[in-house]
Protein backbone atom coordinates (compact mmCIF):
# COMPACT_ATOMS: atom_id res chain seq x y z
CA UNK A 1 92.04 82.35 77.99
CA UNK A 2 93.41 83.38 81.25
CA UNK A 3 96.79 82.47 82.31
CA UNK A 4 96.66 80.16 84.95
CA UNK A 5 99.07 79.88 87.73
CA UNK A 6 99.76 76.62 90.07
CA UNK A 7 100.96 77.93 93.18
CA UNK A 8 102.71 74.90 95.11
CA UNK A 9 105.92 74.17 97.05
CA UNK A 10 105.70 70.25 98.84
CA UNK A 11 107.09 71.75 101.69
CA UNK A 12 104.31 73.14 103.68
CA UNK A 13 104.44 76.42 106.06
CA UNK A 14 105.94 78.51 103.19
CA UNK A 15 102.97 80.85 102.85
CA UNK A 16 101.45 78.69 100.18
CA UNK A 17 97.62 79.42 101.04
CA UNK A 18 98.41 83.13 102.43
CA UNK A 19 100.33 83.54 98.43
CA UNK A 20 97.27 82.59 96.68
CA UNK A 21 94.15 84.45 98.75
CA UNK A 22 96.11 87.27 98.91
CA UNK A 23 97.82 87.54 95.35
CA UNK A 24 93.91 86.75 94.37
CA UNK A 25 92.38 89.83 96.27
CA UNK A 26 95.14 92.33 95.31
CA UNK A 27 95.60 90.85 91.46
CA UNK A 28 91.46 91.48 91.79
CA UNK A 29 92.35 94.94 93.48
CA UNK A 30 94.21 95.79 90.36
CA UNK A 31 90.91 95.37 87.95
CA UNK A 32 91.64 91.73 87.22
CA UNK A 33 89.34 89.05 86.72
CA UNK A 34 90.32 86.46 89.47
CA UNK A 35 89.62 82.77 89.99
CA UNK A 36 90.78 80.69 93.52
CA UNK A 37 90.81 77.34 93.03
CA UNK A 38 91.50 75.03 96.24
CA UNK A 39 93.24 72.21 95.37
CA UNK A 40 93.80 71.33 98.92
CA UNK A 41 92.06 68.81 101.09
CA UNK A 42 92.77 71.21 103.79
CA UNK A 43 90.95 74.02 102.43
CA UNK A 44 92.44 77.13 103.87
CA UNK A 45 92.00 79.21 100.60
CA UNK A 46 88.25 78.17 101.09
CA UNK A 47 87.86 79.17 104.57
CA UNK A 48 90.13 82.26 104.67
CA UNK A 49 88.25 83.41 101.91
CA UNK A 50 85.09 83.77 104.30
CA UNK A 51 83.39 80.27 102.97
CA UNK A 52 82.19 77.50 104.87
CA UNK A 53 83.58 74.79 103.86
CA UNK A 54 81.47 72.32 105.71
CA UNK A 55 78.50 73.49 103.81
CA UNK A 56 79.78 73.51 100.22
CA UNK A 57 77.02 71.58 97.70
CA UNK A 58 80.01 71.61 95.18
CA UNK A 59 83.73 71.34 95.14
CA UNK A 60 86.89 71.05 93.45
CA UNK A 61 86.03 67.53 94.32
CA UNK A 62 83.13 67.20 92.45
CA UNK A 63 84.64 68.80 89.63
CA UNK A 64 87.78 66.07 88.93
CA UNK A 65 85.02 63.33 89.99
CA UNK A 66 83.01 64.88 86.75
CA UNK A 67 80.06 65.34 89.39
CA UNK A 68 79.80 68.94 88.77
CA UNK A 69 80.48 71.37 86.29
CA UNK A 70 83.04 73.96 87.39
CA UNK A 71 80.34 76.72 86.67
CA UNK A 72 78.14 75.45 88.82
CA UNK A 73 80.82 75.65 91.32
CA UNK A 74 82.48 79.22 90.96
CA UNK A 75 81.10 81.56 93.65
CA UNK A 76 82.33 84.92 94.75
CA UNK A 77 84.08 86.36 97.14
CA UNK A 78 82.53 89.79 98.04
CA UNK A 79 85.12 90.73 100.21
CA UNK A 80 87.75 89.73 97.96
CA UNK A 81 86.77 91.17 94.50
CA UNK A 82 87.43 87.80 93.06
CA UNK A 83 85.77 84.15 92.66
CA UNK A 84 86.57 80.85 93.89
CA UNK A 85 86.49 77.31 93.23
CA UNK A 86 85.81 75.69 97.05
CA UNK A 87 86.88 72.68 98.42
CA UNK A 88 86.82 69.98 101.42
CA UNK A 89 88.29 67.33 103.21
CA UNK A 90 86.91 65.20 100.41
CA UNK A 91 89.60 65.76 97.92
CA UNK A 92 91.18 63.14 99.67
CA UNK A 93 88.91 60.76 98.87
CA UNK A 94 88.85 62.25 94.92
CA UNK A 95 92.34 61.85 94.56
CA UNK A 96 92.63 57.90 95.87
CA UNK A 97 89.56 57.91 92.96
CA UNK A 98 91.66 59.52 90.34
CA UNK A 99 93.81 57.04 90.92
CA UNK A 100 92.45 54.38 88.53
CA UNK A 101 91.00 56.75 86.02
CA UNK A 102 92.20 57.29 82.65
CA UNK A 103 93.61 60.26 81.70
CA UNK A 104 93.45 61.28 85.44
CA UNK A 105 95.73 63.72 85.21
CA UNK A 106 93.86 65.63 82.79
CA UNK A 107 90.95 65.98 84.60
CA UNK A 108 90.88 70.22 86.05
CA UNK A 109 92.33 71.06 82.83
CA UNK A 110 89.63 69.65 80.85
CA UNK A 111 87.01 71.17 83.89
CA UNK A 112 88.37 74.44 83.34
CA UNK A 113 88.34 75.20 79.18
CA UNK A 114 84.39 76.34 79.55
CA UNK A 115 85.11 78.99 81.88
CA UNK A 116 89.04 79.46 81.51
CA UNK A 117 88.39 83.55 79.04
CA UNK A 118 85.93 84.34 81.71
CA UNK A 119 89.39 84.99 84.15
CA UNK A 120 92.70 87.14 83.50
CA UNK A 121 93.62 84.97 86.03
CA UNK A 122 93.58 81.51 87.36
CA UNK A 123 95.13 80.70 90.91
CA UNK A 124 95.40 77.24 92.06
CA UNK A 125 95.93 76.21 96.07
CA UNK A 126 98.52 73.19 95.52
CA UNK A 127 98.63 71.17 98.57
CA UNK A 128 101.85 70.65 100.21
CA UNK A 129 102.89 67.58 98.23
CA UNK A 130 103.67 66.50 94.94
CA UNK A 131 100.90 64.23 94.68
CA UNK A 132 97.71 63.50 91.39
CA UNK A 133 95.88 66.91 92.87
CA UNK A 134 99.31 68.52 92.44
CA UNK A 135 99.78 66.93 88.79
CA UNK A 136 96.25 68.29 88.13
CA UNK A 137 97.17 71.50 88.89
CA UNK A 138 100.51 71.34 86.80
CA UNK A 139 99.07 70.24 83.93
CA UNK A 140 96.61 72.35 83.50
CA UNK A 141 98.91 75.47 84.27
CA UNK A 142 100.42 77.69 82.45
CA UNK A 143 103.21 78.75 85.23
CA UNK A 144 103.66 77.99 88.68
CA UNK A 145 104.50 80.47 91.31
CA UNK A 146 106.83 79.05 93.62
CA UNK A 147 106.62 80.22 97.62
CA UNK A 148 109.91 80.07 99.52
CA UNK A 149 110.59 80.59 103.45
CA UNK A 150 114.44 81.47 103.83
CA UNK A 151 115.55 79.02 105.99
CA UNK A 152 117.93 76.12 106.30
CA UNK A 153 115.58 73.93 104.30
CA UNK A 154 114.20 76.48 101.78
CA UNK A 155 115.78 74.87 99.11
CA UNK A 156 115.52 70.64 99.95
CA UNK A 157 112.65 69.40 97.75
CA UNK A 158 112.77 72.47 95.52
CA UNK A 159 114.88 70.13 93.18
CA UNK A 160 112.09 67.40 93.32
CA UNK A 161 109.89 70.16 92.25
CA UNK A 162 111.82 71.60 89.22
CA UNK A 163 111.71 67.70 87.84
CA UNK A 164 108.10 66.89 88.43
CA UNK A 165 107.97 70.56 86.21
CA UNK A 166 110.57 69.54 83.71
CA UNK A 167 108.34 65.90 83.08
CA UNK A 168 105.00 67.60 82.71
CA UNK A 169 106.49 69.49 80.13
CA UNK A 170 108.08 66.97 78.64
CA UNK A 171 104.81 65.04 78.34
CA UNK A 172 101.24 66.23 78.46
CA UNK A 173 101.96 70.14 79.20
CA UNK A 174 104.77 71.57 77.05
CA UNK A 175 103.55 75.36 77.88
CA UNK A 176 104.56 74.87 81.14
CA UNK A 177 106.82 77.26 83.15
CA UNK A 178 108.23 78.56 85.75
CA UNK A 179 106.38 81.75 86.93
CA UNK A 180 108.73 82.85 89.73
CA UNK A 181 110.26 82.18 92.77
CA UNK A 182 108.55 83.91 96.45
CA UNK A 183 110.38 84.54 99.36
CA UNK A 184 108.35 84.45 102.27
CA UNK A 185 107.68 85.06 105.89
CA UNK A 186 110.96 87.37 105.44
CA UNK A 187 112.63 88.24 108.54
CA UNK A 188 116.17 91.38 107.25
CA UNK A 189 117.17 90.75 110.64
CA UNK A 190 117.61 86.90 110.38
CA UNK A 191 121.80 86.63 108.83
CA UNK A 192 120.53 83.12 107.62
CA UNK A 193 117.39 84.62 106.14
CA UNK A 194 119.61 85.93 103.95
CA UNK A 195 122.34 83.73 103.23
CA UNK A 196 119.19 81.91 101.72
CA UNK A 197 117.82 84.75 99.86
CA UNK A 198 121.14 85.40 98.21
CA UNK A 199 121.75 81.87 97.02
CA UNK A 200 118.46 81.78 95.84
CA UNK A 201 119.38 85.05 93.58
CA UNK A 202 122.62 82.94 92.00
CA UNK A 203 120.68 80.44 91.03
CA UNK A 204 117.51 81.35 89.94
CA UNK A 205 118.47 85.10 88.71
CA UNK A 206 115.40 86.93 87.25
CA UNK A 207 113.24 83.56 88.38
CA UNK A 208 112.94 85.10 92.05
CA UNK A 209 110.83 88.02 92.73
CA UNK A 210 111.98 91.36 93.34
CA UNK A 211 109.05 91.71 95.77
CA UNK A 212 109.69 89.98 99.52
CA UNK A 213 107.03 88.84 101.32
CA UNK A 214 107.39 89.90 105.67
CA UNK A 215 107.09 88.42 108.56
CA UNK A 216 103.32 90.59 109.54
CA UNK A 217 100.68 90.25 111.91
CA UNK A 218 97.88 91.71 109.82
CA UNK A 219 99.00 89.06 106.79
CA UNK A 220 99.16 86.20 110.08
CA UNK A 221 95.55 87.45 111.26
CA UNK A 222 93.43 88.10 108.52
CA UNK A 223 92.56 84.30 107.47
CA UNK A 224 90.97 83.93 111.68
CA UNK A 225 88.39 86.98 109.39
CA UNK A 226 87.86 84.54 106.79
CA UNK A 227 89.26 87.86 104.65
CA UNK A 228 92.36 88.55 102.71
CA UNK A 229 95.30 90.98 104.09
CA UNK A 230 93.65 93.89 102.08
CA UNK A 231 90.64 93.25 103.38
CA UNK A 232 91.73 93.04 106.82
CA UNK A 233 94.16 96.20 107.16
CA UNK A 234 95.01 97.76 103.52
CA UNK A 235 98.16 99.82 104.85
CA UNK A 236 100.02 96.73 106.52
CA UNK A 237 102.99 95.61 105.52
CA UNK A 238 102.17 92.14 104.17
CA UNK A 239 98.88 93.88 102.52
CA UNK A 240 101.43 96.44 100.35
CA UNK A 241 103.97 93.60 99.52
CA UNK A 242 101.27 90.90 98.29
CA UNK A 243 100.03 94.66 95.89
CA UNK A 244 103.52 94.70 94.84
CA UNK A 245 103.70 91.22 94.12
CA UNK A 246 100.46 91.55 92.29
CA UNK A 247 101.84 94.41 90.29
CA UNK A 248 104.91 92.61 88.99
CA UNK A 249 103.15 89.71 87.91
CA UNK A 250 101.04 92.00 85.70
CA UNK A 251 104.24 93.88 84.54
CA UNK A 252 105.08 90.25 82.99
CA UNK A 253 102.09 89.55 81.54
CA UNK A 254 103.65 89.67 78.09
CA UNK A 255 104.86 86.33 76.90
CA UNK A 256 108.21 85.65 77.80
CA UNK A 257 110.37 82.32 77.23
CA UNK A 258 110.00 79.47 78.99
CA UNK A 259 112.86 78.98 81.71
CA UNK A 260 115.32 75.64 82.18
CA UNK A 261 114.55 74.13 85.21
CA UNK A 262 117.75 72.80 85.05
């Protein structure tokens, strides 16, 4: 079975979708079979992959509600070399309906069972909140990748997310672990950014990725073209950083011990 990684942080604007799309493209460029799942009603991963969110027959909404199979929903992203299970704003309604379903947090995991073996990595782009959609992602995932912007409020909410991961581990998904913390939109000239980065390393040690994602114009431009930064400008600092992240993740493919998220 492919490794399922939830890309999540309840704080918005930290580069979550940017990470999901660009990591998918860079893992694919490293000869890995990759599926990107858009689980955010904003559907930014969908549009950032070049799909029109207003012109989709099946989406993650239909998959979660049992109205479509995963295999019927997955589409190739030719420019990125990966596949995507796209989304649109209907996901908001799906979340409401799921609240009344038995086993509601298991819907995504069950839907992925027939297709997980087709991929080396399944990346789930989660909404910026701990809601039923995020809980579905955490219940399905083997690991959690947390993008963090090195600013004053970076650690705010992180303890809540880690506690949620602990509860998921103790209830429905004993195998989940923290995959890593990724420093994003990093400006080395900013003293506060360097101080927050040092705090992350002090508290989480080797769970902080060595790779740092810099502030980069090409990264910011790429979504408007519906492509990854690697396709937009492979020589940019942002593209090189996500290639380094992909290599770092691949280097950890051997089984690792669970992280204590206390």
